[in-house]
């Protein structure tokens, strides 16, 4: 498993990324079959990341953005709190 951490990410910048990813078909929701493939391919510790997001937000919605850009990855966001977290890999 790759080492990673969950960081704060600008909510309004995230909303722009999410719109662009949705329009291009690069938004992956938890129920999407591509979700498991992405998590496995990128060695994401989904359980740990989810528990961190649940500590920070009352309701955290997970989403993966996969556009082939440096903004790709797993995000957790809360519309009510207008906040966003992003999982980022740490250098080995």
N, C-alpha and C. Protein backbone atom coordinates (compact mmCIF):
# COMPACT_ATOMS: atom_id res chain seq x y z
N UNK A 1 0.83 -1.17 0.00
CA UNK A 1 0.00 0.00 0.00
C UNK A 1 0.88 1.25 0.00
N UNK A 2 0.59 2.16 -0.87
CA UNK A 2 1.35 3.40 -0.96
C UNK A 2 1.03 4.27 0.25
N UNK A 3 2.02 4.99 0.73
CA UNK A 3 1.80 5.91 1.84
C UNK A 3 1.08 7.14 1.32
N UNK A 4 0.12 7.60 2.09
CA UNK A 4 -0.68 8.76 1.67
C UNK A 4 -1.17 9.50 2.90
N UNK A 5 -1.64 10.72 2.65
CA UNK A 5 -2.27 11.50 3.72
C UNK A 5 -3.46 12.25 3.14
N UNK A 6 -4.36 12.61 4.03
CA UNK A 6 -5.54 13.37 3.64
C UNK A 6 -5.28 14.83 3.98
N UNK A 7 -5.44 15.70 2.99
CA UNK A 7 -5.19 17.13 3.20
C UNK A 7 -6.44 17.95 2.88
N UNK A 8 -6.50 19.15 3.44
CA UNK A 8 -7.58 20.08 3.08
C UNK A 8 -7.38 20.53 1.65
N UNK A 9 -8.47 20.69 0.93
CA UNK A 9 -8.42 21.15 -0.46
C UNK A 9 -9.49 22.22 -0.62
N UNK A 10 -9.19 23.25 -1.37
CA UNK A 10 -10.13 24.36 -1.54
C UNK A 10 -11.45 23.86 -2.15
N UNK A 11 -12.53 24.06 -1.43
CA UNK A 11 -13.84 23.56 -1.84
C UNK A 11 -14.28 24.13 -3.19
N UNK A 12 -14.07 25.41 -3.39
CA UNK A 12 -14.56 26.05 -4.62
C UNK A 12 -13.72 25.63 -5.83
N UNK A 13 -12.44 25.40 -5.62
CA UNK A 13 -11.61 24.86 -6.70
C UNK A 13 -12.07 23.43 -7.01
N UNK A 14 -12.39 22.67 -5.96
CA UNK A 14 -12.87 21.30 -6.15
C UNK A 14 -14.17 21.27 -6.96
N UNK A 15 -15.09 22.18 -6.68
CA UNK A 15 -16.36 22.22 -7.40
C UNK A 15 -16.11 22.41 -8.89
N UNK A 16 -15.16 23.25 -9.26
CA UNK A 16 -14.78 23.43 -10.66
C UNK A 16 -14.22 22.15 -11.26
N UNK A 17 -13.34 21.47 -10.51
CA UNK A 17 -12.79 20.20 -10.98
C UNK A 17 -13.89 19.16 -11.16
N UNK A 18 -14.80 19.12 -10.20
CA UNK A 18 -15.88 18.14 -10.24
C UNK A 18 -16.79 18.37 -11.45
N UNK A 19 -17.11 19.62 -11.72
CA UNK A 19 -17.93 19.95 -12.90
C UNK A 19 -17.25 19.51 -14.19
N UNK A 20 -15.96 19.84 -14.29
CA UNK A 20 -15.20 19.48 -15.50
C UNK A 20 -15.13 17.95 -15.65
N UNK A 21 -14.88 17.25 -14.54
CA UNK A 21 -14.80 15.79 -14.58
C UNK A 21 -16.15 15.16 -14.92
N UNK A 22 -17.21 15.73 -14.40
CA UNK A 22 -18.55 15.24 -14.69
C UNK A 22 -18.87 15.41 -16.17
N UNK A 23 -18.55 16.58 -16.71
CA UNK A 23 -18.82 16.86 -18.12
C UNK A 23 -18.04 15.94 -19.06
N UNK A 24 -16.82 15.56 -18.65
CA UNK A 24 -15.97 14.74 -19.52
C UNK A 24 -16.09 13.24 -19.23
N UNK A 25 -16.93 12.86 -18.26
CA UNK A 25 -17.10 11.44 -17.93
C UNK A 25 -15.98 10.90 -17.06
N UNK A 26 -15.21 11.78 -16.43
CA UNK A 26 -14.07 11.36 -15.62
C UNK A 26 -14.38 11.35 -14.12
N UNK A 27 -15.65 11.55 -13.77
CA UNK A 27 -16.08 11.50 -12.37
C UNK A 27 -16.47 10.06 -12.06
N UNK A 28 -15.90 9.52 -10.98
CA UNK A 28 -16.21 8.14 -10.59
C UNK A 28 -16.85 8.16 -9.21
N UNK A 29 -18.10 7.75 -9.17
CA UNK A 29 -18.84 7.66 -7.91
C UNK A 29 -18.59 6.28 -7.29
N UNK A 30 -18.85 6.14 -6.01
CA UNK A 30 -18.62 4.89 -5.27
C UNK A 30 -19.35 3.71 -5.91
N UNK A 31 -20.53 3.92 -6.47
CA UNK A 31 -21.32 2.81 -7.05
C UNK A 31 -20.86 2.43 -8.46
N UNK A 32 -19.97 3.22 -9.04
CA UNK A 32 -19.45 2.98 -10.39
C UNK A 32 -18.50 1.78 -10.38
N UNK A 33 -18.59 0.88 -11.36
CA UNK A 33 -17.67 -0.27 -11.41
C UNK A 33 -16.20 0.14 -11.54
N UNK A 34 -15.95 1.33 -12.07
CA UNK A 34 -14.57 1.81 -12.20
C UNK A 34 -13.92 2.14 -10.86
N UNK A 35 -14.75 2.31 -9.82
CA UNK A 35 -14.25 2.68 -8.50
C UNK A 35 -13.23 1.66 -7.99
N UNK A 36 -13.63 0.39 -7.94
CA UNK A 36 -12.75 -0.66 -7.42
C UNK A 36 -11.47 -0.78 -8.24
N UNK A 37 -11.59 -0.63 -9.54
CA UNK A 37 -10.42 -0.70 -10.41
C UNK A 37 -9.43 0.41 -10.07
N UNK A 38 -9.94 1.63 -9.90
CA UNK A 38 -9.08 2.78 -9.60
C UNK A 38 -8.41 2.62 -8.24
N UNK A 39 -9.18 2.22 -7.24
CA UNK A 39 -8.65 2.04 -5.88
C UNK A 39 -7.54 1.00 -5.88
N UNK A 40 -7.76 -0.11 -6.58
CA UNK A 40 -6.75 -1.18 -6.64
C UNK A 40 -5.52 -0.72 -7.42
N UNK A 41 -5.72 -0.09 -8.56
CA UNK A 41 -4.60 0.34 -9.41
C UNK A 41 -3.71 1.38 -8.72
N UNK A 42 -4.31 2.19 -7.86
CA UNK A 42 -3.55 3.26 -7.19
C UNK A 42 -3.23 2.93 -5.73
N UNK A 43 -3.48 1.68 -5.32
CA UNK A 43 -3.17 1.21 -3.96
C UNK A 43 -3.68 2.17 -2.90
N UNK A 44 -4.94 2.52 -3.00
CA UNK A 44 -5.56 3.48 -2.07
C UNK A 44 -6.10 2.73 -0.85
N UNK A 45 -5.76 3.22 0.33
CA UNK A 45 -6.31 2.68 1.57
C UNK A 45 -7.61 3.44 1.84
N UNK A 46 -8.66 2.96 1.22
CA UNK A 46 -9.95 3.64 1.26
C UNK A 46 -10.54 3.71 2.66
N UNK A 47 -10.36 2.66 3.45
CA UNK A 47 -10.92 2.61 4.80
C UNK A 47 -10.30 3.70 5.68
N UNK A 48 -8.99 3.82 5.64
CA UNK A 48 -8.32 4.83 6.46
C UNK A 48 -8.71 6.24 6.02
N UNK A 49 -8.72 6.48 4.72
CA UNK A 49 -9.08 7.80 4.20
C UNK A 49 -10.52 8.15 4.58
N UNK A 50 -11.42 7.19 4.46
CA UNK A 50 -12.83 7.42 4.80
C UNK A 50 -13.00 7.75 6.27
N UNK A 51 -12.26 7.06 7.13
CA UNK A 51 -12.41 7.32 8.56
C UNK A 51 -11.91 8.72 8.92
N UNK A 52 -10.86 9.18 8.26
CA UNK A 52 -10.37 10.55 8.50
C UNK A 52 -11.42 11.57 8.05
N UNK A 53 -12.01 11.33 6.89
CA UNK A 53 -13.04 12.25 6.38
C UNK A 53 -14.25 12.28 7.30
N UNK A 54 -14.64 11.13 7.85
CA UNK A 54 -15.80 11.08 8.74
C UNK A 54 -15.53 11.81 10.05
N UNK A 55 -14.27 11.88 10.46
CA UNK A 55 -13.92 12.63 11.67
C UNK A 55 -14.06 14.13 11.44
N UNK A 56 -13.77 14.57 10.23
CA UNK A 56 -13.79 16.01 9.91
C UNK A 56 -15.17 16.52 9.53
N UNK A 57 -15.95 15.70 8.81
CA UNK A 57 -17.23 16.15 8.28
C UNK A 57 -18.38 15.33 8.84
N UNK A 58 -19.51 16.00 9.00
CA UNK A 58 -20.73 15.31 9.41
C UNK A 58 -21.13 14.30 8.34
N UNK A 59 -21.16 14.75 7.11
CA UNK A 59 -21.44 13.87 5.97
C UNK A 59 -20.38 14.10 4.91
N UNK A 60 -19.61 13.07 4.64
CA UNK A 60 -18.54 13.17 3.65
C UNK A 60 -18.90 12.31 2.44
N UNK A 61 -18.91 12.92 1.26
CA UNK A 61 -19.20 12.20 0.03
C UNK A 61 -17.89 11.92 -0.70
N UNK A 62 -17.58 10.63 -0.94
CA UNK A 62 -16.35 10.32 -1.67
C UNK A 62 -16.56 10.38 -3.17
N UNK A 63 -15.54 10.81 -3.89
CA UNK A 63 -15.59 10.82 -5.35
C UNK A 63 -14.16 10.73 -5.87
N UNK A 64 -14.00 10.07 -7.00
CA UNK A 64 -12.70 9.99 -7.65
C UNK A 64 -12.76 10.81 -8.92
N UNK A 65 -11.75 11.62 -9.14
CA UNK A 65 -11.61 12.36 -10.39
C UNK A 65 -10.45 11.71 -11.14
N UNK A 66 -10.72 11.27 -12.37
CA UNK A 66 -9.72 10.54 -13.16
C UNK A 66 -9.66 11.10 -14.58
N UNK A 67 -9.07 12.29 -14.70
CA UNK A 67 -8.97 12.97 -15.99
C UNK A 67 -7.60 12.80 -16.65
N UNK A 68 -6.68 12.15 -15.96
CA UNK A 68 -5.32 12.04 -16.48
C UNK A 68 -4.51 13.29 -16.21
N UNK A 69 -4.87 14.02 -15.15
CA UNK A 69 -4.18 15.26 -14.78
C UNK A 69 -3.63 15.14 -13.37
N UNK A 70 -2.84 16.12 -12.96
CA UNK A 70 -2.27 16.06 -11.61
C UNK A 70 -3.31 16.30 -10.51
N UNK A 71 -4.51 16.65 -10.88
CA UNK A 71 -5.59 16.83 -9.90
C UNK A 71 -6.39 15.54 -9.71
N UNK A 72 -6.01 14.47 -10.39
CA UNK A 72 -6.71 13.20 -10.24
C UNK A 72 -6.56 12.68 -8.82
N UNK A 73 -7.55 11.92 -8.38
CA UNK A 73 -7.43 11.27 -7.08
C UNK A 73 -8.76 11.15 -6.37
N UNK A 74 -8.65 10.71 -5.12
CA UNK A 74 -9.81 10.51 -4.27
C UNK A 74 -10.04 11.77 -3.44
N UNK A 75 -11.27 12.24 -3.48
CA UNK A 75 -11.68 13.43 -2.73
C UNK A 75 -12.87 13.08 -1.85
N UNK A 76 -13.01 13.79 -0.75
CA UNK A 76 -14.19 13.73 0.11
C UNK A 76 -14.69 15.15 0.25
N UNK A 77 -15.99 15.34 0.03
CA UNK A 77 -16.51 16.70 0.14
C UNK A 77 -17.82 16.73 0.91
N UNK A 78 -18.11 17.90 1.44
CA UNK A 78 -19.34 18.12 2.18
C UNK A 78 -19.98 19.40 1.68
N UNK A 79 -21.14 19.27 1.05
CA UNK A 79 -21.85 20.46 0.56
C UNK A 79 -22.29 21.35 1.71
N UNK A 80 -22.79 20.74 2.77
CA UNK A 80 -23.28 21.51 3.92
C UNK A 80 -22.19 22.36 4.56
N UNK A 81 -20.99 21.80 4.65
CA UNK A 81 -19.89 22.50 5.30
C UNK A 81 -19.00 23.25 4.30
N UNK A 82 -19.32 23.10 3.02
CA UNK A 82 -18.53 23.72 1.96
C UNK A 82 -17.04 23.47 2.19
N UNK A 83 -16.70 22.18 2.32
CA UNK A 83 -15.32 21.79 2.60
C UNK A 83 -14.96 20.55 1.79
N UNK A 84 -13.66 20.37 1.60
CA UNK A 84 -13.18 19.27 0.78
C UNK A 84 -11.84 18.77 1.31
N UNK A 85 -11.64 17.47 1.23
CA UNK A 85 -10.38 16.83 1.57
C UNK A 85 -9.91 16.04 0.35
N UNK A 86 -8.60 15.91 0.23
CA UNK A 86 -8.03 15.16 -0.89
C UNK A 86 -6.98 14.18 -0.35
N UNK A 87 -6.97 12.97 -0.88
CA UNK A 87 -5.95 12.00 -0.54
C UNK A 87 -4.77 12.20 -1.47
N UNK A 88 -3.58 12.41 -0.89
CA UNK A 88 -2.37 12.61 -1.71
C UNK A 88 -1.32 11.60 -1.29
N UNK A 89 -0.56 11.13 -2.26
CA UNK A 89 0.52 10.18 -2.01
C UNK A 89 1.72 10.89 -1.41
N UNK A 90 2.40 10.19 -0.53
CA UNK A 90 3.63 10.72 0.06
C UNK A 90 4.82 10.09 -0.65
N UNK A 91 5.88 10.85 -0.82
CA UNK A 91 7.08 10.27 -1.45
C UNK A 91 7.65 9.17 -0.56
N UNK A 92 8.14 8.14 -1.17
CA UNK A 92 8.71 7.01 -0.41
C UNK A 92 10.03 7.37 0.20
